[in-house]
PDB file of all heavy atoms in Angstrom:
ATOM      1  N   ALA A   1       0.830  -1.212   0.000  1.00  0.00           N
ATOM      2  CA  ALA A   1       0.000   0.000   0.000  1.00  0.00           C
ATOM      3  C   ALA A   1       0.860   1.257   0.000  1.00  0.00           C
ATOM      4  O   ALA A   1       2.047   1.234   0.332  1.00  0.00           O
ATOM      5  CB  ALA A   1      -0.919  -0.007   1.227  1.00  0.00           C
ATOM      6  N   ASP A   2       0.245   2.356  -0.362  1.00  0.00           N
ATOM      7  CA  ASP A   2       0.846   3.688  -0.321  1.00  0.00           C
ATOM      8  C   ASP A   2       0.486   4.273   1.054  1.00  0.00           C
ATOM      9  O   ASP A   2      -0.653   4.665   1.283  1.00  0.00           O
ATOM     10  CB  ASP A   2       0.269   4.529  -1.456  1.00  0.00           C
ATOM     11  CG  ASP A   2       0.783   5.963  -1.476  1.00  0.00           C
ATOM     12  OD1 ASP A   2       1.511   6.359  -0.546  1.00  0.00           O
ATOM     13  OD2 ASP A   2       0.418   6.708  -2.412  1.00  0.00           O
ATOM     14  N   VAL A   3       1.457   4.329   1.961  1.00  0.00           N
ATOM     15  CA  VAL A   3       1.180   4.583   3.377  1.00  0.00           C
ATOM     16  C   VAL A   3       1.754   5.927   3.818  1.00  0.00           C
ATOM     17  O   VAL A   3       2.906   6.262   3.506  1.00  0.00           O
ATOM     18  CB  VAL A   3       1.770   3.465   4.261  1.00  0.00           C
ATOM     19  CG1 VAL A   3       1.442   3.710   5.737  1.00  0.00           C
ATOM     20  CG2 VAL A   3       1.258   2.105   3.826  1.00  0.00           C
ATOM     21  N   THR A   4       0.949   6.669   4.577  1.00  0.00           N
ATOM     22  CA  THR A   4       1.401   7.909   5.209  1.00  0.00           C
ATOM     23  C   THR A   4       1.076   7.834   6.699  1.00  0.00           C
ATOM     24  O   THR A   4      -0.030   7.444   7.082  1.00  0.00           O
ATOM     25  CB  THR A   4       0.706   9.142   4.613  1.00  0.00           C
ATOM     26  OG1 THR A   4       0.975   9.200   3.216  1.00  0.00           O
ATOM     27  CG2 THR A   4       1.193  10.428   5.277  1.00  0.00           C
ATOM     28  N   VAL A   5       2.041   8.228   7.538  1.00  0.00           N
ATOM     29  CA  VAL A   5       1.856   8.261   8.986  1.00  0.00           C
ATOM     30  C   VAL A   5       1.787   9.716   9.436  1.00  0.00           C
ATOM     31  O   VAL A   5       2.667  10.519   9.111  1.00  0.00           O
ATOM     32  CB  VAL A   5       3.008   7.549   9.726  1.00  0.00           C
ATOM     33  CG1 VAL A   5       2.832   7.668  11.238  1.00  0.00           C
ATOM     34  CG2 VAL A   5       3.079   6.081   9.319  1.00  0.00           C
ATOM     35  N   LEU A   6       0.751  10.042  10.189  1.00  0.00           N
ATOM     36  CA  LEU A   6       0.585  11.375  10.778  1.00  0.00           C
ATOM     37  C   LEU A   6       0.969  11.351  12.252  1.00  0.00           C
ATOM     38  O   LEU A   6       0.553  10.454  12.986  1.00  0.00           O
ATOM     39  CB  LEU A   6      -0.880  11.810  10.688  1.00  0.00           C
ATOM     40  CG  LEU A   6      -1.404  12.545   9.462  1.00  0.00           C
ATOM     41  CD1 LEU A   6      -2.903  12.768   9.629  1.00  0.00           C
ATOM     42  CD2 LEU A   6      -0.699  13.879   9.275  1.00  0.00           C
ATOM     43  N   ASP A   7       1.730  12.352  12.694  1.00  0.00           N
ATOM     44  CA  ASP A   7       2.037  12.463  14.121  1.00  0.00           C
ATOM     45  C   ASP A   7       2.395  13.916  14.421  1.00  0.00           C
ATOM     46  O   ASP A   7       2.803  14.666  13.524  1.00  0.00           O
ATOM     47  CB  ASP A   7       3.196  11.539  14.512  1.00  0.00           C
ATOM     48  CG  ASP A   7       3.214  11.217  16.001  1.00  0.00           C
ATOM     49  OD1 ASP A   7       3.707  12.053  16.786  1.00  0.00           O
ATOM     50  OD2 ASP A   7       2.722  10.142  16.375  1.00  0.00           O
ATOM     51  N   ARG A   8       2.248  14.294  15.712  1.00  0.00           N
ATOM     52  CA  ARG A   8       2.554  15.668  16.119  1.00  0.00           C
ATOM     53  C   ARG A   8       3.940  15.814  16.722  1.00  0.00           C
ATOM     54  O   ARG A   8       4.341  16.920  17.089  1.00  0.00           O
ATOM     55  CB  ARG A   8       1.508  16.162  17.122  1.00  0.00           C
ATOM     56  CG  ARG A   8       0.098  16.243  16.557  1.00  0.00           C
ATOM     57  CD  ARG A   8      -0.825  16.987  17.483  1.00  0.00           C
ATOM     58  NE  ARG A   8      -0.599  18.420  17.392  1.00  0.00           N
ATOM     59  CZ  ARG A   8      -1.419  19.263  16.767  1.00  0.00           C
ATOM     60  NH1 ARG A   8      -2.514  18.808  16.198  1.00  0.00           N
ATOM     61  NH2 ARG A   8      -1.153  20.550  16.720  1.00  0.00           N
ATOM     62  N   SER A   9       4.648  14.702  16.870  1.00  0.00           N
ATOM     63  CA  SER A   9       5.985  14.743  17.461  1.00  0.00           C
ATOM     64  C   SER A   9       7.031  14.753  16.350  1.00  0.00           C
ATOM     65  O   SER A   9       7.208  13.759  15.635  1.00  0.00           O
ATOM     66  CB  SER A   9       6.201  13.532  18.369  1.00  0.00           C
ATOM     67  OG  SER A   9       7.563  13.388  18.700  1.00  0.00           O
ATOM     68  N   LEU A  10       7.747  15.875  16.232  1.00  0.00           N
ATOM     69  CA  LEU A  10       8.800  15.937  15.213  1.00  0.00           C
ATOM     70  C   LEU A  10       9.916  14.933  15.471  1.00  0.00           C
ATOM     71  O   LEU A  10      10.407  14.302  14.522  1.00  0.00           O
ATOM     72  CB  LEU A  10       9.352  17.362  15.125  1.00  0.00           C
ATOM     73  CG  LEU A  10       8.407  18.388  14.474  1.00  0.00           C
ATOM     74  CD1 LEU A  10       8.995  19.786  14.579  1.00  0.00           C
ATOM     75  CD2 LEU A  10       8.136  18.030  13.022  1.00  0.00           C
ATOM     76  N   PRO A  11      10.347  14.727  16.739  1.00  0.00           N
ATOM     77  CA  PRO A  11      11.361  13.689  16.976  1.00  0.00           C
ATOM     78  C   PRO A  11      10.874  12.304  16.535  1.00  0.00           C
ATOM     79  O   PRO A  11      11.657  11.515  15.992  1.00  0.00           O
ATOM     80  CB  PRO A  11      11.589  13.753  18.488  1.00  0.00           C
ATOM     81  CG  PRO A  11      11.245  15.158  18.866  1.00  0.00           C
ATOM     82  CD  PRO A  11      10.104  15.522  17.963  1.00  0.00           C
ATOM     83  N   ARG A  12       9.596  12.009  16.764  1.00  0.00           N
ATOM     84  CA  ARG A  12       9.088  10.698  16.354  1.00  0.00           C
ATOM     85  C   ARG A  12       9.063  10.589  14.833  1.00  0.00           C
ATOM     86  O   ARG A  12       9.426   9.549  14.263  1.00  0.00           O
ATOM     87  CB  ARG A  12       7.681  10.480  16.923  1.00  0.00           C
ATOM     88  CG  ARG A  12       7.117   9.089  16.641  1.00  0.00           C
ATOM     89  CD  ARG A  12       7.932   8.015  17.326  1.00  0.00           C
ATOM     90  NE  ARG A  12       7.449   6.675  16.988  1.00  0.00           N
ATOM     91  CZ  ARG A  12       8.023   5.569  17.410  1.00  0.00           C
ATOM     92  NH1 ARG A  12       9.098   5.630  18.191  1.00  0.00           N
ATOM     93  NH2 ARG A  12       7.540   4.390  17.074  1.00  0.00           N
ATOM     94  N   LEU A  13       8.633  11.636  14.157  1.00  0.00           N
ATOM     95  CA  LEU A  13       8.623  11.613  12.698  1.00  0.00           C
ATOM     96  C   LEU A  13      10.038  11.454  12.145  1.00  0.00           C
ATOM     97  O   LEU A  13      10.257  10.726  11.164  1.00  0.00           O
ATOM     98  CB  LEU A  13       7.981  12.881  12.153  1.00  0.00           C
ATOM     99  CG  LEU A  13       6.480  13.053  12.431  1.00  0.00           C
ATOM    100  CD1 LEU A  13       6.020  14.425  11.963  1.00  0.00           C
ATOM    101  CD2 LEU A  13       5.663  11.958  11.752  1.00  0.00           C
ATOM    102  N   LYS A  14      11.006  12.118  12.775  1.00  0.00           N
ATOM    103  CA  LYS A  14      12.404  11.976  12.343  1.00  0.00           C
ATOM    104  C   LYS A  14      12.878  10.550  12.524  1.00  0.00           C
ATOM    105  O   LYS A  14      13.544   9.975  11.659  1.00  0.00           O
ATOM    106  CB  LYS A  14      13.294  12.939  13.132  1.00  0.00           C
ATOM    107  CG  LYS A  14      14.759  12.924  12.710  1.00  0.00           C
ATOM    108  CD  LYS A  14      15.559  13.947  13.497  1.00  0.00           C
ATOM    109  CE  LYS A  14      17.004  14.034  12.987  1.00  0.00           C
ATOM    110  NZ  LYS A  14      17.703  12.729  13.031  1.00  0.00           N
ATOM    111  N   TYR A  15      12.513   9.958  13.691  1.00  0.00           N
ATOM    112  CA  TYR A  15      12.893   8.562  13.954  1.00  0.00           C
ATOM    113  C   TYR A  15      12.315   7.634  12.882  1.00  0.00           C
ATOM    114  O   TYR A  15      13.025   6.790  12.319  1.00  0.00           O
ATOM    115  CB  TYR A  15      12.396   8.152  15.345  1.00  0.00           C
ATOM    116  CG  TYR A  15      12.434   6.660  15.578  1.00  0.00           C
ATOM    117  CD1 TYR A  15      13.612   6.011  15.948  1.00  0.00           C
ATOM    118  CD2 TYR A  15      11.279   5.887  15.405  1.00  0.00           C
ATOM    119  CE1 TYR A  15      13.647   4.641  16.142  1.00  0.00           C
ATOM    120  CE2 TYR A  15      11.305   4.511  15.600  1.00  0.00           C
ATOM    121  CZ  TYR A  15      12.483   3.894  15.967  1.00  0.00           C
ATOM    122  OH  TYR A  15      12.516   2.536  16.147  1.00  0.00           O
ATOM    123  N   LEU A  16      11.036   7.796  12.595  1.00  0.00           N
ATOM    124  CA  LEU A  16      10.397   6.935  11.607  1.00  0.00           C
ATOM    125  C   LEU A  16      11.040   7.095  10.234  1.00  0.00           C
ATOM    126  O   LEU A  16      11.259   6.104   9.518  1.00  0.00           O
ATOM    127  CB  LEU A  16       8.899   7.249  11.521  1.00  0.00           C
ATOM    128  CG  LEU A  16       8.058   6.901  12.753  1.00  0.00           C
ATOM    129  CD1 LEU A  16       6.634   7.403  12.586  1.00  0.00           C
ATOM    130  CD2 LEU A  16       8.062   5.405  13.018  1.00  0.00           C
ATOM    131  N   ASP A  17      11.363   8.329   9.889  1.00  0.00           N
ATOM    132  CA  ASP A  17      11.989   8.573   8.596  1.00  0.00           C
ATOM    133  C   ASP A  17      13.394   7.977   8.541  1.00  0.00           C
ATOM    134  O   ASP A  17      13.792   7.380   7.535  1.00  0.00           O
ATOM    135  CB  ASP A  17      12.032  10.078   8.318  1.00  0.00           C
ATOM    136  CG  ASP A  17      12.346  10.387   6.867  1.00  0.00           C
ATOM    137  OD1 ASP A  17      11.552   9.992   5.996  1.00  0.00           O
ATOM    138  OD2 ASP A  17      13.391  11.001   6.609  1.00  0.00           O
ATOM    139  N   ASP A  18      14.141   8.120   9.639  1.00  0.00           N
ATOM    140  CA  ASP A  18      15.503   7.586   9.685  1.00  0.00           C
ATOM    141  C   ASP A  18      15.511   6.063   9.598  1.00  0.00           C
ATOM    142  O   ASP A  18      16.335   5.461   8.902  1.00  0.00           O
ATOM    143  CB  ASP A  18      16.208   8.015  10.968  1.00  0.00           C
ATOM    144  CG  ASP A  18      16.599   9.484  10.972  1.00  0.00           C
ATOM    145  OD1 ASP A  18      16.580  10.102   9.887  1.00  0.00           O
ATOM    146  OD2 ASP A  18      16.910  10.014  12.059  1.00  0.00           O
ATOM    147  N   VAL A  19      14.590   5.426  10.334  1.00  0.00           N
ATOM    148  CA  VAL A  19      14.598   3.964  10.427  1.00  0.00           C
ATOM    149  C   VAL A  19      13.963   3.311   9.197  1.00  0.00           C
ATOM    150  O   VAL A  19      14.473   2.308   8.681  1.00  0.00           O
ATOM    151  CB  VAL A  19      13.864   3.504  11.712  1.00  0.00           C
ATOM    152  CG1 VAL A  19      13.676   1.985  11.726  1.00  0.00           C
ATOM    153  CG2 VAL A  19      14.644   3.945  12.942  1.00  0.00           C
ATOM    154  N   PHE A  20      12.871   3.892   8.712  1.00  0.00           N
ATOM    155  CA  PHE A  20      12.116   3.226   7.656  1.00  0.00           C
ATOM    156  C   PHE A  20      12.308   3.853   6.281  1.00  0.00           C
ATOM    157  O   PHE A  20      11.819   3.317   5.281  1.00  0.00           O
ATOM    158  CB  PHE A  20      10.622   3.192   8.016  1.00  0.00           C
ATOM    159  CG  PHE A  20      10.349   2.395   9.248  1.00  0.00           C
ATOM    160  CD1 PHE A  20      10.123   3.020  10.461  1.00  0.00           C
ATOM    161  CD2 PHE A  20      10.365   1.007   9.213  1.00  0.00           C
ATOM    162  CE1 PHE A  20       9.891   2.285  11.618  1.00  0.00           C
ATOM    163  CE2 PHE A  20      10.134   0.259  10.358  1.00  0.00           C
ATOM    164  CZ  PHE A  20       9.898   0.901  11.560  1.00  0.00           C
ATOM    165  N   GLY A  21      13.011   4.996   6.242  1.00  0.00           N
ATOM    166  CA  GLY A  21      13.343   5.602   4.957  1.00  0.00           C
ATOM    167  C   GLY A  21      12.127   5.786   4.077  1.00  0.00           C
ATOM    168  O   GLY A  21      11.138   6.385   4.467  1.00  0.00           O
ATOM    169  N   GLY A  22      12.175   5.225   2.874  1.00  0.00           N
ATOM    170  CA  GLY A  22      11.073   5.398   1.931  1.00  0.00           C
ATOM    171  C   GLY A  22      10.009   4.328   2.013  1.00  0.00           C
ATOM    172  O   GLY A  22       9.142   4.255   1.134  1.00  0.00           O
ATOM    173  N   THR A  23      10.061   3.493   3.077  1.00  0.00           N
ATOM    174  CA  THR A  23       9.053   2.434   3.195  1.00  0.00           C
ATOM    175  C   THR A  23       7.651   3.017   3.274  1.00  0.00           C
ATOM    176  O   THR A  23       6.702   2.500   2.697  1.00  0.00           O
ATOM    177  CB  THR A  23       9.326   1.568   4.446  1.00  0.00           C
ATOM    178  OG1 THR A  23      10.657   1.081   4.379  1.00  0.00           O
ATOM    179  CG2 THR A  23       8.366   0.398   4.529  1.00  0.00           C
ATOM    180  N   PHE A  24       7.516   4.099   4.036  1.00  0.00           N
ATOM    181  CA  PHE A  24       6.257   4.845   4.090  1.00  0.00           C
ATOM    182  C   PHE A  24       6.576   6.315   4.308  1.00  0.00           C
ATOM    183  O   PHE A  24       7.688   6.678   4.688  1.00  0.00           O
ATOM    184  CB  PHE A  24       5.298   4.307   5.155  1.00  0.00           C
ATOM    185  CG  PHE A  24       5.906   4.143   6.523  1.00  0.00           C
ATOM    186  CD1 PHE A  24       6.102   5.217   7.374  1.00  0.00           C
ATOM    187  CD2 PHE A  24       6.275   2.882   6.978  1.00  0.00           C
ATOM    188  CE1 PHE A  24       6.645   5.059   8.637  1.00  0.00           C
ATOM    189  CE2 PHE A  24       6.817   2.706   8.240  1.00  0.00           C
ATOM    190  CZ  PHE A  24       7.013   3.798   9.074  1.00  0.00           C
ATOM    191  N   LYS A  25       5.593   7.172   4.066  1.00  0.00           N
ATOM    192  CA  LYS A  25       5.786   8.617   4.183  1.00  0.00           C
ATOM    193  C   LYS A  25       5.345   9.100   5.556  1.00  0.00           C
ATOM    194  O   LYS A  25       4.568   8.428   6.249  1.00  0.00           O
ATOM    195  CB  LYS A  25       4.977   9.338   3.096  1.00  0.00           C
ATOM    196  CG  LYS A  25       5.469   9.062   1.690  1.00  0.00           C
ATOM    197  CD  LYS A  25       4.507   9.580   0.641  1.00  0.00           C
ATOM    198  CE  LYS A  25       3.317   8.663   0.467  1.00  0.00           C
ATOM    199  NZ  LYS A  25       2.482   9.015  -0.696  1.00  0.00           N
ATOM    200  N   THR A  26       5.832  10.254   5.965  1.00  0.00           N
ATOM    201  CA  THR A  26       5.416  10.866   7.227  1.00  0.00           C
ATOM    202  C   THR A  26       4.932  12.289   6.964  1.00  0.00           C
ATOM    203  O   THR A  26       5.423  12.971   6.065  1.00  0.00           O
ATOM    204  CB  THR A  26       6.569  10.903   8.247  1.00  0.00           C
ATOM    205  OG1 THR A  26       7.660  11.662   7.703  1.00  0.00           O
ATOM    206  CG2 THR A  26       7.054   9.508   8.601  1.00  0.00           C
TER     207      THR A  26
END
């Protein structure tokens, strides 16, 4: 699927982007 994750924590969004890269969007 084409997945996007919404969150209000910038550190959490950075973590997700760092760990999962292009697997899903934030």
